[in-house]
C-alpha atoms as a PDB file:
ATOM      1  CA  MET A   1     -45.291  28.877  59.026  1.00  0.00           C
ATOM      2  CA  THR A   2     -41.728  29.204  60.021  1.00  0.00           C
ATOM      3  CA  GLN A   3     -41.707  25.547  61.028  1.00  0.00           C
ATOM      4  CA  LYS A   4     -42.892  24.518  57.552  1.00  0.00           C
ATOM      5  CA  ARG A   5     -40.277  26.745  56.025  1.00  0.00           C
ATOM      6  CA  ALA A   6     -37.587  25.277  58.228  1.00  0.00           C
ATOM      7  CA  THR A   7     -38.696  21.752  57.332  1.00  0.00           C
ATOM      8  CA  TRP A   8     -38.669  22.641  53.649  1.00  0.00           C
ATOM      9  CA  ARG A   9     -35.207  24.189  54.006  1.00  0.00           C
ATOM     10  CA  ARG A  10     -33.920  20.970  55.582  1.00  0.00           C
ATOM     11  CA  TRP A  11     -35.355  18.915  52.724  1.00  0.00           C
ATOM     12  CA  GLU A  12     -33.991  21.335  50.180  1.00  0.00           C
ATOM     13  CA  THR A  13     -30.559  21.311  51.799  1.00  0.00           C
ATOM     14  CA  GLY A  14     -30.614  17.521  52.015  1.00  0.00           C
ATOM     15  CA  LEU A  15     -31.496  17.203  48.321  1.00  0.00           C
ATOM     16  CA  VAL A  16     -28.778  19.652  47.303  1.00  0.00           C
ATOM     17  CA  VAL A  17     -26.184  17.833  49.429  1.00  0.00           C
ATOM     18  CA  MET A  18     -27.231  14.445  47.990  1.00  0.00           C
ATOM     19  CA  ALA A  19     -27.084  15.788  44.443  1.00  0.00           C
ATOM     20  CA  MET A  20     -23.624  17.251  45.056  1.00  0.00           C
ATOM     21  CA  LEU A  21     -22.399  13.966  46.545  1.00  0.00           C
ATOM     22  CA  LEU A  22     -23.821  12.013  43.629  1.00  0.00           C
ATOM     23  CA  VAL A  23     -22.230  14.313  41.054  1.00  0.00           C
ATOM     24  CA  SER A  24     -18.895  14.510  42.851  1.00  0.00           C
ATOM     25  CA  HIS A  25     -18.810  10.746  43.375  1.00  0.00           C
ATOM     26  CA  THR A  26     -19.303  10.000  39.676  1.00  0.00           C
ATOM     27  CA  ASP A  27     -16.788  12.684  38.682  1.00  0.00           C
ATOM     28  CA  LEU A  28     -14.189  11.288  41.050  1.00  0.00           C
ATOM     29  CA  GLY A  29     -14.732   7.765  39.796  1.00  0.00           C
ATOM     30  CA  HIS A  30     -14.538   8.889  36.179  1.00  0.00           C
ATOM     31  CA  ALA A  31     -11.432  10.996  36.798  1.00  0.00           C
ATOM     32  CA  GLN A  32      -9.846   8.072  38.603  1.00  0.00           C
ATOM     33  CA  ARG A  33     -10.486   5.779  35.623  1.00  0.00           C
ATOM     34  CA  LEU A  34      -8.949   8.287  33.232  1.00  0.00           C
ATOM     35  CA  ARG A  35      -5.859   8.787  35.371  1.00  0.00           C
ATOM     36  CA  ARG A  36      -5.164   5.079  35.686  1.00  0.00           C
ATOM     37  CA  SER A  37      -2.628   3.765  33.185  1.00  0.00           C
ATOM     38  CA  ASP A  38      -1.630   0.193  32.591  1.00  0.00           C
ATOM     39  CA  ARG A  39       0.295  -1.713  29.937  1.00  0.00           C
ATOM     40  CA  ASP A  40      -2.755  -2.451  27.783  1.00  0.00           C
ATOM     41  CA  HIS A  41      -3.909   1.158  27.711  1.00  0.00           C
ATOM     42  CA  ILE A  42      -3.698   2.875  24.320  1.00  0.00           C
ATOM     43  CA  THR A  43      -1.125   5.655  24.216  1.00  0.00           C
ATOM     44  CA  ALA A  44      -2.070   9.146  23.146  1.00  0.00           C
ATOM     45  CA  VAL A  45      -1.504  10.245  19.562  1.00  0.00           C
ATOM     46  CA  PRO A  46       1.360  12.748  19.260  1.00  0.00           C
ATOM     47  CA  SER A  47       0.025  16.267  18.813  1.00  0.00           C
ATOM     48  CA  HIS A  48       2.285  17.093  15.845  1.00  0.00           C
ATOM     49  CA  ARG A  49       0.463  14.572  13.616  1.00  0.00           C
ATOM     50  CA  SER A  50      -2.803  15.304  11.942  1.00  0.00           C
ATOM     51  CA  TYR A  51      -5.418  12.653  11.299  1.00  0.00           C
ATOM     52  CA  MET A  52      -6.310  14.292   8.020  1.00  0.00           C
ATOM     53  CA  THR A  53      -2.849  14.061   6.465  1.00  0.00           C
ATOM     54  CA  PRO A  54      -2.513  10.771   4.576  1.00  0.00           C
ATOM     55  CA  GLN A  55       0.801   8.971   4.624  1.00  0.00           C
ATOM     56  CA  ILE A  56       1.928   8.304   1.067  1.00  0.00           C
ATOM     57  CA  HIS A  57       4.260   5.362   0.648  1.00  0.00           C
ATOM     58  CA  ARG A  58       6.291   5.884  -2.462  1.00  0.00           C
ATOM     59  CA  ASP A  59       7.908   3.025  -4.305  1.00  0.00           C
ATOM     60  CA  ARG A  60      11.666   3.008  -4.365  1.00  0.00           C
ATOM     61  CA  SER A  61      13.223   4.282  -7.557  1.00  0.00           C
ATOM     62  CA  SER A  62      13.667   1.862 -10.397  1.00  0.00           C
ATOM     63  CA  GLN A  63      16.854  -0.205 -10.480  1.00  0.00           C
ATOM     64  CA  VAL A  64      16.968  -0.913 -14.209  1.00  0.00           C
ATOM     65  CA  VAL A  65      15.777   1.603 -16.736  1.00  0.00           C
ATOM     66  CA  LEU A  66      16.087   0.784 -20.417  1.00  0.00           C
ATOM     67  CA  VAL A  67      15.865   3.994 -22.397  1.00  0.00           C
ATOM     68  CA  ASP A  68      15.535   4.207 -26.158  1.00  0.00           C
ATOM     69  CA  ARG A  69      13.647   7.350 -27.070  1.00  0.00           C
ATOM     70  CA  THR A  70      14.267   7.004 -30.807  1.00  0.00           C
ATOM     71  CA  VAL A  71      11.865   4.095 -31.459  1.00  0.00           C
ATOM     72  CA  PRO A  72       8.176   3.659 -30.640  1.00  0.00           C
ATOM     73  CA  TRP A  73       7.259   0.951 -28.131  1.00  0.00           C
ATOM     74  CA  ARG A  74       5.767  -1.271 -30.852  1.00  0.00           C
ATOM     75  CA  ASP A  75       9.266  -1.710 -32.294  1.00  0.00           C
ATOM     76  CA  ALA A  76      10.791  -2.549 -28.904  1.00  0.00           C
ATOM     77  CA  GLY A  77      10.276  -6.262 -29.367  1.00  0.00           C
ATOM     78  CA  ARG A  78       8.011  -8.954 -30.765  1.00  0.00           C
ATOM     79  CA  ILE A  79       4.394  -9.019 -29.528  1.00  0.00           C
ATOM     80  CA  VAL A  80       3.457 -12.471 -28.220  1.00  0.00           C
ATOM     81  CA  PRO A  81      -0.345 -12.994 -28.326  1.00  0.00           C
ATOM     82  CA  ALA A  82      -0.328 -16.129 -26.113  1.00  0.00           C
ATOM     83  CA  LEU A  83       1.579 -14.325 -23.348  1.00  0.00           C
ATOM     84  CA  SER A  84      -0.623 -11.240 -23.769  1.00  0.00           C
ATOM     85  CA  ASP A  85      -3.717 -13.394 -23.184  1.00  0.00           C
ATOM     86  CA  ALA A  86      -2.067 -14.968 -20.130  1.00  0.00           C
ATOM     87  CA  CYS A  87      -1.193 -11.471 -18.871  1.00  0.00           C
ATOM     88  CA  ALA A  88      -4.836 -10.408 -19.231  1.00  0.00           C
ATOM     89  CA  ARG A  89      -5.775 -13.456 -17.092  1.00  0.00           C
ATOM     90  CA  ARG A  90      -2.974 -12.487 -14.607  1.00  0.00           C
ATOM     91  CA  GLN A  91      -1.151 -15.771 -15.214  1.00  0.00           C
ATOM     92  CA  PHE A  92       1.932 -14.086 -16.687  1.00  0.00           C
ATOM     93  CA  ARG A  93       2.655 -10.703 -15.149  1.00  0.00           C
ATOM     94  CA  GLU A  94       5.050  -8.456 -13.293  1.00  0.00           C
ATOM     95  CA  ARG A  95       5.312  -9.131  -9.575  1.00  0.00           C
ATOM     96  CA  ARG A  96       5.616  -5.391  -8.861  1.00  0.00           C
ATOM     97  CA  PRO A  97       4.278  -3.288 -11.738  1.00  0.00           C
ATOM     98  CA  LEU A  98       6.783  -0.763 -13.108  1.00  0.00           C
ATOM     99  CA  ARG A  99       9.509  -1.833 -10.670  1.00  0.00           C
ATOM    100  CA  PHE A 100      11.759  -2.021 -13.722  1.00  0.00           C
ATOM    101  CA  ARG A 101      10.981   0.333 -16.570  1.00  0.00           C
ATOM    102  CA  ALA A 102      11.623   0.632 -20.271  1.00  0.00           C
ATOM    103  CA  VAL A 103      11.208   4.143 -21.693  1.00  0.00           C
ATOM    104  CA  TYR A 104      10.418   4.518 -25.374  1.00  0.00           C
ATOM    105  CA  GLN A 105       9.287   7.407 -27.571  1.00  0.00           C
ATOM    106  CA  ASN A 106       6.015   8.158 -25.847  1.00  0.00           C
ATOM    107  CA  ALA A 107       5.497   5.256 -23.444  1.00  0.00           C
ATOM    108  CA  ILE A 108       6.857   3.792 -20.234  1.00  0.00           C
ATOM    109  CA  LEU A 109       6.626   0.000 -20.149  1.00  0.00           C
ATOM    110  CA  GLY A 110       6.942  -2.380 -17.236  1.00  0.00           C
ATOM    111  CA  MET A 111       9.780  -4.877 -17.486  1.00  0.00           C
ATOM    112  CA  ALA A 112      10.431  -8.385 -16.165  1.00  0.00           C
ATOM    113  CA  PHE A 113      13.184 -10.870 -16.868  1.00  0.00           C
ATOM    114  CA  GLY A 114      12.842 -14.428 -18.114  1.00  0.00           C
ATOM    115  CA  HIS A 115      15.107 -15.818 -15.408  1.00  0.00           C
ATOM    116  CA  GLY A 116      12.432 -14.831 -12.853  1.00  0.00           C
ATOM    117  CA  LEU A 117      13.308 -11.347 -11.645  1.00  0.00           C
ATOM    118  CA  ASN A 118      10.015  -9.441 -11.169  1.00  0.00           C
ATOM    119  CA  LEU A 119       8.130 -12.114 -13.145  1.00  0.00           C
ATOM    120  CA  TYR A 120       5.124 -14.124 -11.980  1.00  0.00           C
ATOM    121  CA  ASP A 121       4.992 -17.168 -14.235  1.00  0.00           C
ATOM    122  CA  PRO A 122       3.396 -20.215 -12.556  1.00  0.00           C
ATOM    123  CA  GLU A 123       3.287 -22.221 -15.813  1.00  0.00           C
ATOM    124  CA  GLN A 124       7.018 -21.693 -16.593  1.00  0.00           C
ATOM    125  CA  ARG A 125       6.484 -20.140 -20.055  1.00  0.00           C
ATOM    126  CA  ALA A 126       9.362 -17.684 -19.841  1.00  0.00           C
ATOM    127  CA  ASP A 127      12.685 -18.102 -21.631  1.00  0.00           C
ATOM    128  CA  PRO A 128      15.550 -17.225 -19.245  1.00  0.00           C
ATOM    129  CA  LEU A 129      17.466 -15.363 -21.955  1.00  0.00           C
ATOM    130  CA  MET A 130      14.617 -12.968 -22.758  1.00  0.00           C
ATOM    131  CA  MET A 131      13.236  -9.741 -21.315  1.00  0.00           C
ATOM    132  CA  TYR A 132       9.491  -9.188 -21.209  1.00  0.00           C
ATOM    133  CA  LEU A 133       7.983  -5.737 -21.647  1.00  0.00           C
ATOM    134  CA  PHE A 134       4.424  -5.089 -20.439  1.00  0.00           C
ATOM    135  CA  VAL A 135       2.160  -2.471 -21.993  1.00  0.00           C
ATOM    136  CA  ASN A 136      -0.884  -1.760 -19.768  1.00  0.00           C
ATOM    137  CA  GLY A 137       0.340  -4.433 -17.368  1.00  0.00           C
ATOM    138  CA  GLY A 138      -2.157  -5.513 -14.740  1.00  0.00           C
ATOM    139  CA  THR A 139      -5.184  -4.781 -16.940  1.00  0.00           C
ATOM    140  CA  SER A 140      -7.278  -6.917 -19.260  1.00  0.00           C
ATOM    141  CA  GLY A 141      -5.746  -4.991 -22.186  1.00  0.00           C
ATOM    142  CA  CYS A 142      -2.215  -6.132 -21.359  1.00  0.00           C
ATOM    143  CA  THR A 143       0.241  -6.574 -24.233  1.00  0.00           C
ATOM    144  CA  VAL A 144       3.496  -8.497 -23.775  1.00  0.00           C
ATOM    145  CA  LEU A 145       6.553  -7.867 -25.916  1.00  0.00           C
ATOM    146  CA  VAL A 146       9.611 -10.104 -25.835  1.00  0.00           C
ATOM    147  CA  ARG A 147      13.186  -9.132 -26.673  1.00  0.00           C
ATOM    148  CA  PRO A 148      16.605 -10.636 -25.991  1.00  0.00           C
ATOM    149  CA  ASN A 149      18.297  -9.641 -22.766  1.00  0.00           C
ATOM    150  CA  PRO A 150      21.367  -7.547 -23.694  1.00  0.00           C
ATOM    151  CA  ASP A 151      23.166  -8.467 -20.450  1.00  0.00           C
ATOM    152  CA  ALA A 152      25.981 -10.909 -21.320  1.00  0.00           C
ATOM    153  CA  ARG A 153      26.073 -12.228 -17.743  1.00  0.00           C
ATOM    154  CA  VAL A 154      22.646 -13.815 -18.242  1.00  0.00           C
ATOM    155  CA  ALA A 155      23.844 -15.719 -21.328  1.00  0.00           C
ATOM    156  CA  ASN A 156      26.942 -16.920 -19.446  1.00  0.00           C
ATOM    157  CA  LEU A 157      24.854 -17.940 -16.446  1.00  0.00           C
ATOM    158  CA  PHE A 158      22.526 -20.120 -18.503  1.00  0.00           C
ATOM    159  CA  GLY A 159      25.329 -21.753 -20.506  1.00  0.00           C
ATOM    160  CA  GLN A 160      24.828 -20.054 -23.855  1.00  0.00           C
ATOM    161  CA  LYS A 161      27.260 -17.631 -25.431  1.00  0.00           C
END
């Protein structure tokens, strides 16, 4: 019986040694692959950043703000139904909504200029001497108001005084 036990011990030892070699071989190969670094390898994410924190990109502050808190927005200019319909179809709109703002009694309106600043107008309907105010710009309920541009430089630029 001792011979059978000795034979079994040899088999058992052989199996254990083979299992250890197999496990250590795969671990070494895997560790080697992880240690290798080349130019195309993705760099690690810095530890001070969290994946759960969204990055919020805020728009720069407005450059031109027209403020007249004494009148309601309906009195800010003349409503133009044809341009309002085109605005609802996105054929006459602000390039960047609320980049320029007009503040009235209880409303903030988007603003674009007839000479093309912040204005998307592929059919060339805008008058260069006018300012266009957008109520609910970018929606199907868009309303466009038109008023003269108070900047004298615009009138001089387009040859009218």
